[in-house]
C-alpha atoms as a PDB file:
ATOM      1  CA  MET A   1       0.000   0.000   0.000  1.00  0.00           C
ATOM      2  CA  VAL A   2       1.130   3.523  -0.791  1.00  0.00           C
ATOM      3  CA  TYR A   3      -0.179   6.641   0.931  1.00  0.00           C
ATOM      4  CA  TYR A   4      -0.635   9.724  -1.235  1.00  0.00           C
ATOM      5  CA  PHE A   5      -0.979  13.269   0.068  1.00  0.00           C
ATOM      6  CA  THR A   6      -1.506  16.595  -1.658  1.00  0.00           C
ATOM      7  CA  SER A   7       0.478  19.625  -0.620  1.00  0.00           C
ATOM      8  CA  ASN A   8      -1.928  22.406  -1.547  1.00  0.00           C
ATOM      9  CA  VAL A   9      -0.321  25.084   0.564  1.00  0.00           C
ATOM     10  CA  ILE A  10       0.462  27.060  -2.611  1.00  0.00           C
ATOM     11  CA  SER A  11      -1.507  27.574  -5.821  1.00  0.00           C
ATOM     12  CA  SER A  12       0.299  24.768  -7.683  1.00  0.00           C
ATOM     13  CA  PRO A  13      -0.365  21.524  -5.738  1.00  0.00           C
ATOM     14  CA  TYR A  14       2.315  18.861  -5.273  1.00  0.00           C
ATOM     15  CA  THR A  15       1.956  15.116  -4.746  1.00  0.00           C
ATOM     16  CA  ILE A  16       3.681  13.557  -1.748  1.00  0.00           C
ATOM     17  CA  TYR A  17       3.701   9.809  -1.171  1.00  0.00           C
ATOM     18  CA  MET A  18       5.206   7.110   1.010  1.00  0.00           C
ATOM     19  CA  GLY A  19       5.032   3.362   1.420  1.00  0.00           C
ATOM     20  CA  LYS A  20       3.119   1.697   4.243  1.00  0.00           C
ATOM     21  CA  ASP A  21       6.267  -0.123   5.425  1.00  0.00           C
ATOM     22  CA  LYS A  22       9.880  -0.795   4.470  1.00  0.00           C
ATOM     23  CA  TYR A  23       8.901  -3.377   1.840  1.00  0.00           C
ATOM     24  CA  GLU A  24       6.766  -0.872  -0.076  1.00  0.00           C
ATOM     25  CA  ASN A  25       9.659   1.543   0.294  1.00  0.00           C
ATOM     26  CA  GLU A  26      11.890  -0.937  -1.537  1.00  0.00           C
ATOM     27  CA  ASP A  27       9.528  -0.796  -4.519  1.00  0.00           C
ATOM     28  CA  LEU A  28       9.391   2.987  -4.372  1.00  0.00           C
ATOM     29  CA  ILE A  29      13.182   3.098  -4.515  1.00  0.00           C
ATOM     30  CA  LYS A  30      13.215   0.702  -7.467  1.00  0.00           C
ATOM     31  CA  TYR A  31      10.449   2.316  -9.474  1.00  0.00           C
ATOM     32  CA  GLY A  32      10.973   5.979  -8.660  1.00  0.00           C
ATOM     33  CA  TRP A  33      10.742   8.683 -11.300  1.00  0.00           C
ATOM     34  CA  PRO A  34      13.427  11.238 -12.235  1.00  0.00           C
ATOM     35  CA  GLU A  35      11.088  13.944 -10.923  1.00  0.00           C
ATOM     36  CA  ASP A  36      10.982  12.407  -7.431  1.00  0.00           C
ATOM     37  CA  VAL A  37      12.753  13.813  -4.381  1.00  0.00           C
ATOM     38  CA  TRP A  38      13.372  11.513  -1.406  1.00  0.00           C
ATOM     39  CA  PHE A  39      13.036  12.651   2.247  1.00  0.00           C
ATOM     40  CA  HIS A  40      14.124  10.914   5.453  1.00  0.00           C
ATOM     41  CA  VAL A  41      14.966  11.875   9.040  1.00  0.00           C
ATOM     42  CA  ASP A  42      18.733  12.091   9.359  1.00  0.00           C
ATOM     43  CA  LYS A  43      20.357   9.309  11.393  1.00  0.00           C
ATOM     44  CA  LEU A  44      16.997   8.027  12.684  1.00  0.00           C
ATOM     45  CA  SER A  45      14.456   5.506  11.487  1.00  0.00           C
ATOM     46  CA  SER A  46      11.563   7.112   9.625  1.00  0.00           C
ATOM     47  CA  ALA A  47       9.240   6.767   6.682  1.00  0.00           C
ATOM     48  CA  HIS A  48      10.680   7.256   3.203  1.00  0.00           C
ATOM     49  CA  VAL A  49       8.697  10.178   1.845  1.00  0.00           C
ATOM     50  CA  TYR A  50       8.737  11.203  -1.804  1.00  0.00           C
ATOM     51  CA  LEU A  51       7.822  14.493  -3.412  1.00  0.00           C
ATOM     52  CA  ARG A  52       7.028  14.488  -7.129  1.00  0.00           C
ATOM     53  CA  LEU A  53       8.288  17.607  -8.840  1.00  0.00           C
ATOM     54  CA  TYR A  54       6.962  19.028 -12.064  1.00  0.00           C
ATOM     55  CA  LYS A  55       8.815  17.890 -15.149  1.00  0.00           C
ATOM     56  CA  GLY A  56      12.017  19.859 -15.618  1.00  0.00           C
ATOM     57  CA  GLN A  57      11.829  21.413 -12.147  1.00  0.00           C
ATOM     58  CA  ALA A  58      15.072  21.629 -10.175  1.00  0.00           C
ATOM     59  CA  ILE A  59      15.286  20.530  -6.560  1.00  0.00           C
ATOM     60  CA  ASP A  60      16.475  24.007  -5.537  1.00  0.00           C
ATOM     61  CA  SER A  61      13.218  25.500  -6.791  1.00  0.00           C
ATOM     62  CA  ILE A  62      10.961  23.553  -4.421  1.00  0.00           C
ATOM     63  CA  PRO A  63       8.810  26.124  -2.589  1.00  0.00           C
ATOM     64  CA  LYS A  64       9.743  26.461   1.073  1.00  0.00           C
ATOM     65  CA  GLU A  65       6.166  25.728   2.138  1.00  0.00           C
ATOM     66  CA  VAL A  66       6.205  22.414   0.265  1.00  0.00           C
ATOM     67  CA  LEU A  67       9.582  21.478   1.777  1.00  0.00           C
ATOM     68  CA  ILE A  68       8.132  22.082   5.224  1.00  0.00           C
ATOM     69  CA  ASP A  69       5.123  19.868   4.417  1.00  0.00           C
ATOM     70  CA  CYS A  70       7.428  17.003   3.432  1.00  0.00           C
ATOM     71  CA  ALA A  71       9.691  17.471   6.443  1.00  0.00           C
ATOM     72  CA  GLN A  72       6.745  17.558   8.844  1.00  0.00           C
ATOM     73  CA  LEU A  73       5.355  14.358   7.326  1.00  0.00           C
ATOM     74  CA  VAL A  74       8.721  12.608   7.686  1.00  0.00           C
ATOM     75  CA  LYS A  75       9.096  13.734  11.298  1.00  0.00           C
ATOM     76  CA  ALA A  76       5.573  12.603  12.188  1.00  0.00           C
ATOM     77  CA  ASN A  77       6.328   9.151  10.761  1.00  0.00           C
ATOM     78  CA  SER A  78       9.504   8.588  12.746  1.00  0.00           C
ATOM     79  CA  ILE A  79       9.121   6.675  16.022  1.00  0.00           C
ATOM     80  CA  GLN A  80      11.960   8.595  17.656  1.00  0.00           C
ATOM     81  CA  GLY A  81      11.890  11.749  15.548  1.00  0.00           C
ATOM     82  CA  CYS A  82       8.256  12.530  16.301  1.00  0.00           C
ATOM     83  CA  LYS A  83       9.167  12.987  19.987  1.00  0.00           C
ATOM     84  CA  MET A  84      12.203  15.193  19.372  1.00  0.00           C
ATOM     85  CA  ASN A  85      12.705  18.859  18.562  1.00  0.00           C
ATOM     86  CA  ASN A  86      15.217  20.362  16.147  1.00  0.00           C
ATOM     87  CA  ILE A  87      15.746  17.263  14.035  1.00  0.00           C
ATOM     88  CA  ASN A  88      17.365  17.267  10.603  1.00  0.00           C
ATOM     89  CA  VAL A  89      15.595  15.890   7.557  1.00  0.00           C
ATOM     90  CA  VAL A  90      17.735  14.996   4.555  1.00  0.00           C
ATOM     91  CA  TYR A  91      16.463  15.075   0.996  1.00  0.00           C
ATOM     92  CA  THR A  92      17.940  14.327  -2.404  1.00  0.00           C
ATOM     93  CA  PRO A  93      16.858  13.519  -5.975  1.00  0.00           C
ATOM     94  CA  TRP A  94      15.646   9.960  -6.486  1.00  0.00           C
ATOM     95  CA  SER A  95      18.462   9.455  -9.020  1.00  0.00           C
ATOM     96  CA  ASN A  96      20.985   9.958  -6.215  1.00  0.00           C
ATOM     97  CA  LEU A  97      19.694   7.007  -4.180  1.00  0.00           C
ATOM     98  CA  LYS A  98      22.061   4.053  -4.103  1.00  0.00           C
ATOM     99  CA  LYS A  99      20.855   0.524  -3.371  1.00  0.00           C
ATOM    100  CA  THR A 100      23.230  -2.435  -3.339  1.00  0.00           C
ATOM    101  CA  GLY A 101      22.569  -6.123  -2.798  1.00  0.00           C
ATOM    102  CA  ASP A 102      24.238  -6.248   0.607  1.00  0.00           C
ATOM    103  CA  MET A 103      21.930  -3.592   2.085  1.00  0.00           C
ATOM    104  CA  ASP A 104      19.066  -4.499   4.397  1.00  0.00           C
ATOM    105  CA  VAL A 105      15.444  -3.896   3.401  1.00  0.00           C
ATOM    106  CA  GLY A 106      14.754  -0.181   3.728  1.00  0.00           C
ATOM    107  CA  GLN A 107      18.433   0.742   3.858  1.00  0.00           C
ATOM    108  CA  ILE A 108      19.690   3.233   1.316  1.00  0.00           C
ATOM    109  CA  GLY A 109      22.876   5.077   0.391  1.00  0.00           C
ATOM    110  CA  PHE A 110      23.832   7.904  -1.964  1.00  0.00           C
ATOM    111  CA  HIS A 111      25.872   8.140  -5.137  1.00  0.00           C
ATOM    112  CA  ARG A 112      26.951  11.721  -4.364  1.00  0.00           C
ATOM    113  CA  GLN A 113      26.901  13.011  -0.803  1.00  0.00           C
ATOM    114  CA  LYS A 114      27.176  16.590  -2.059  1.00  0.00           C
ATOM    115  CA  ASP A 115      23.708  16.273  -3.626  1.00  0.00           C
ATOM    116  CA  VAL A 116      22.112  15.573  -0.241  1.00  0.00           C
ATOM    117  CA  LYS A 117      20.404  18.609   1.301  1.00  0.00           C
ATOM    118  CA  VAL A 118      19.223  19.206   4.860  1.00  0.00           C
ATOM    119  CA  ILE A 119      16.271  21.014   6.374  1.00  0.00           C
ATOM    120  CA  THR A 120      15.848  21.439  10.149  1.00  0.00           C
ATOM    121  CA  VAL A 121      12.454  20.814  11.722  1.00  0.00           C
ATOM    122  CA  GLU A 122      12.122  22.678  15.006  1.00  0.00           C
ATOM    123  CA  LYS A 123       8.933  21.001  16.203  1.00  0.00           C
ATOM    124  CA  LYS A 124       5.805  19.196  15.071  1.00  0.00           C
ATOM    125  CA  ILE A 125       3.149  21.468  13.598  1.00  0.00           C
ATOM    126  CA  ASN A 126      -0.253  19.831  13.937  1.00  0.00           C
ATOM    127  CA  GLU A 127      -1.934  22.342  11.655  1.00  0.00           C
ATOM    128  CA  ILE A 128       0.240  21.173   8.740  1.00  0.00           C
ATOM    129  CA  LEU A 129      -0.195  17.472   9.529  1.00  0.00           C
ATOM    130  CA  ASN A 130      -3.979  17.813   9.848  1.00  0.00           C
ATOM    131  CA  ARG A 131      -4.153  19.588   6.498  1.00  0.00           C
ATOM    132  CA  LEU A 132      -2.132  16.847   4.817  1.00  0.00           C
ATOM    133  CA  GLU A 133      -4.122  14.096   6.545  1.00  0.00           C
ATOM    134  CA  LYS A 134      -7.332  15.429   4.991  1.00  0.00           C
ATOM    135  CA  THR A 135      -5.865  14.770   1.523  1.00  0.00           C
ATOM    136  CA  LYS A 136      -4.602  11.260   2.336  1.00  0.00           C
ATOM    137  CA  ASP A 137      -5.437   8.589  -0.239  1.00  0.00           C
ATOM    138  CA  GLU A 138      -4.571   4.896   0.166  1.00  0.00           C
ATOM    139  CA  ARG A 139      -3.777   3.066  -3.079  1.00  0.00           C
ATOM    140  CA  PHE A 140      -2.301  -0.180  -4.357  1.00  0.00           C
ATOM    141  CA  PRO A 141      -0.527   1.100  -7.489  1.00  0.00           C
ATOM    142  CA  ASP A 142       1.284  -1.044 -10.026  1.00  0.00           C
ATOM    143  CA  LEU A 143       4.534   0.882  -9.687  1.00  0.00           C
ATOM    144  CA  ALA A 144       6.336  -1.133 -12.373  1.00  0.00           C
ATOM    145  CA  ALA A 145       3.578  -0.478 -14.921  1.00  0.00           C
ATOM    146  CA  GLU A 146       3.470   3.217 -14.044  1.00  0.00           C
ATOM    147  CA  LYS A 147       7.235   3.490 -14.494  1.00  0.00           C
ATOM    148  CA  GLU A 148       7.089   1.647 -17.832  1.00  0.00           C
ATOM    149  CA  SER A 149       4.287   3.906 -19.056  1.00  0.00           C
ATOM    150  CA  ARG A 150       6.243   6.960 -18.006  1.00  0.00           C
ATOM    151  CA  ASN A 151       9.361   5.693 -19.807  1.00  0.00           C
ATOM    152  CA  ARG A 152       7.374   5.086 -23.002  1.00  0.00           C
ATOM    153  CA  GLU A 153       5.977   8.586 -22.819  1.00  0.00           C
ATOM    154  CA  GLU A 154       9.473  10.012 -22.406  1.00  0.00           C
ATOM    155  CA  GLN A 155      10.786   7.949 -25.332  1.00  0.00           C
ATOM    156  CA  ASN A 156       7.947   9.183 -27.538  1.00  0.00           C
ATOM    157  CA  GLU A 157       8.721  12.755 -26.532  1.00  0.00           C
ATOM    158  CA  ARG A 158      12.386  12.277 -27.411  1.00  0.00           C
ATOM    159  CA  LYS A 159      11.447  10.775 -30.792  1.00  0.00           C
ATOM    160  CA  ALA A 160       9.132  13.700 -31.470  1.00  0.00           C
ATOM    161  CA  GLN A 161      11.890  16.153 -30.545  1.00  0.00           C
ATOM    162  CA  ILE A 162      14.360  14.409 -32.856  1.00  0.00           C
ATOM    163  CA  GLN A 163      11.848  14.407 -35.710  1.00  0.00           C
ATOM    164  CA  GLU A 164      11.126  18.089 -35.154  1.00  0.00           C
ATOM    165  CA  MET A 165      14.870  18.858 -35.109  1.00  0.00           C
ATOM    166  CA  LYS A 166      15.358  16.967 -38.393  1.00  0.00           C
ATOM    167  CA  ARG A 167      12.393  18.787 -39.941  1.00  0.00           C
ATOM    168  CA  ARG A 168      13.837  22.147 -38.951  1.00  0.00           C
ATOM    169  CA  GLU A 169      17.287  21.211 -40.263  1.00  0.00           C
ATOM    170  CA  LYS A 170      15.759  20.120 -43.587  1.00  0.00           C
ATOM    171  CA  GLU A 171      13.765  23.342 -43.788  1.00  0.00           C
ATOM    172  CA  GLU A 172      16.864  25.399 -43.000  1.00  0.00           C
ATOM    173  CA  MET A 173      18.883  23.595 -45.684  1.00  0.00           C
ATOM    174  CA  LYS A 174      16.122  24.267 -48.196  1.00  0.00           C
ATOM    175  CA  LYS A 175      16.094  27.965 -47.303  1.00  0.00           C
ATOM    176  CA  ARG A 176      19.877  28.188 -47.590  1.00  0.00           C
ATOM    177  CA  LYS A 177      19.761  26.483 -50.989  1.00  0.00           C
ATOM    178  CA  GLU A 178      17.023  28.831 -52.217  1.00  0.00           C
ATOM    179  CA  THR A 179      18.961  31.846 -50.944  1.00  0.00           C
ATOM    180  CA  GLU A 180      22.132  30.646 -52.675  1.00  0.00           C
ATOM    181  CA  GLU A 181      20.281  30.021 -55.945  1.00  0.00           C
ATOM    182  CA  LEU A 182      18.705  33.475 -55.763  1.00  0.00           C
ATOM    183  CA  ARG A 183      22.107  35.032 -55.117  1.00  0.00           C
ATOM    184  CA  CYS A 184      23.580  33.264 -58.149  1.00  0.00           C
ATOM    185  CA  TYR A 185      20.635  34.294 -60.336  1.00  0.00           C
ATOM    186  CA  SER A 186      20.911  37.910 -59.202  1.00  0.00           C
ATOM    187  CA  SER A 187      24.608  37.872 -60.012  1.00  0.00           C
ATOM    188  CA  LEU A 188      23.952  36.580 -63.520  1.00  0.00           C
ATOM    189  CA  MET A 189      21.317  39.226 -64.115  1.00  0.00           C
ATOM    190  CA  LYS A 190      23.625  42.153 -63.351  1.00  0.00           C
ATOM    191  CA  SER A 191      24.082  44.410 -66.380  1.00  0.00           C
ATOM    192  CA  GLU A 192      27.846  43.951 -66.509  1.00  0.00           C
ATOM    193  CA  ASN A 193      27.403  40.200 -66.762  1.00  0.00           C
ATOM    194  CA  MET A 194      24.799  40.378 -69.545  1.00  0.00           C
ATOM    195  CA  SER A 195      25.565  40.512 -73.288  1.00  0.00           C
ATOM    196  CA  SER A 196      23.546  41.861 -76.209  1.00  0.00           C
ATOM    197  CA  ASN A 197      23.583  41.280 -79.967  1.00  0.00           C
ATOM    198  CA  GLN A 198      25.843  44.288 -80.345  1.00  0.00           C
ATOM    199  CA  ASP A 199      28.260  42.869 -77.826  1.00  0.00           C
ATOM    200  CA  CYS A 200      28.582  39.818 -80.024  1.00  0.00           C
ATOM    201  CA  GLY A 201      29.265  41.905 -83.182  1.00  0.00           C
ATOM    202  CA  TYR A 202      25.916  41.269 -84.812  1.00  0.00           C
ATOM    203  CA  ASP A 203      23.164  43.619 -85.884  1.00  0.00           C
ATOM    204  CA  SER A 204      19.758  43.011 -87.365  1.00  0.00           C
ATOM    205  CA  ASP A 205      21.045  43.450 -90.939  1.00  0.00           C
ATOM    206  CA  ASP A 206      23.237  40.394 -90.635  1.00  0.00           C
ATOM    207  CA  PHE A 207      20.153  38.236 -90.700  1.00  0.00           C
ATOM    208  CA  MET A 208      18.667  39.797 -93.777  1.00  0.00           C
END
């Protein structure tokens, strides 16, 4: 089971989700999307919370209010963290998550430590958690199928972009060729490059 929440604290809503337990979290790690950002309480056990960004959005552009929503949700779903103040929550792009065969279920590492960011949560804010709880939706998604569908969509977009690039290149070549032909024609039509019957030593009487 996967729990979905909507962060509607700003005009553009964001989807936040997390697995019911560490086994669902394993699937979320495996089938995450490039737009996903992973959140976890630093150095403590907690839920693995994911924020889905808009396509092309950078992690540094996440609105502060949305970051706070995610951090509050992570803190509230940490057995130890929920009882503590001033805890750190780490977050990083899904692509930076590292999972190797010798790791326990739910354990995760990073490819690049420098891409891991930190936000400090001073205390639990019930107002935020109650707002998120009202949007909670429990689902049993086919994560593998969703990832495959997303990959197909991305491949089709890339193909369309390549086709459009080739079309533009072909159109540009055609324009360059037409411009070159027009330049050559204009050059031939200049008066100094044109000849007349007189230039050739003939006049109309020669044909009589």
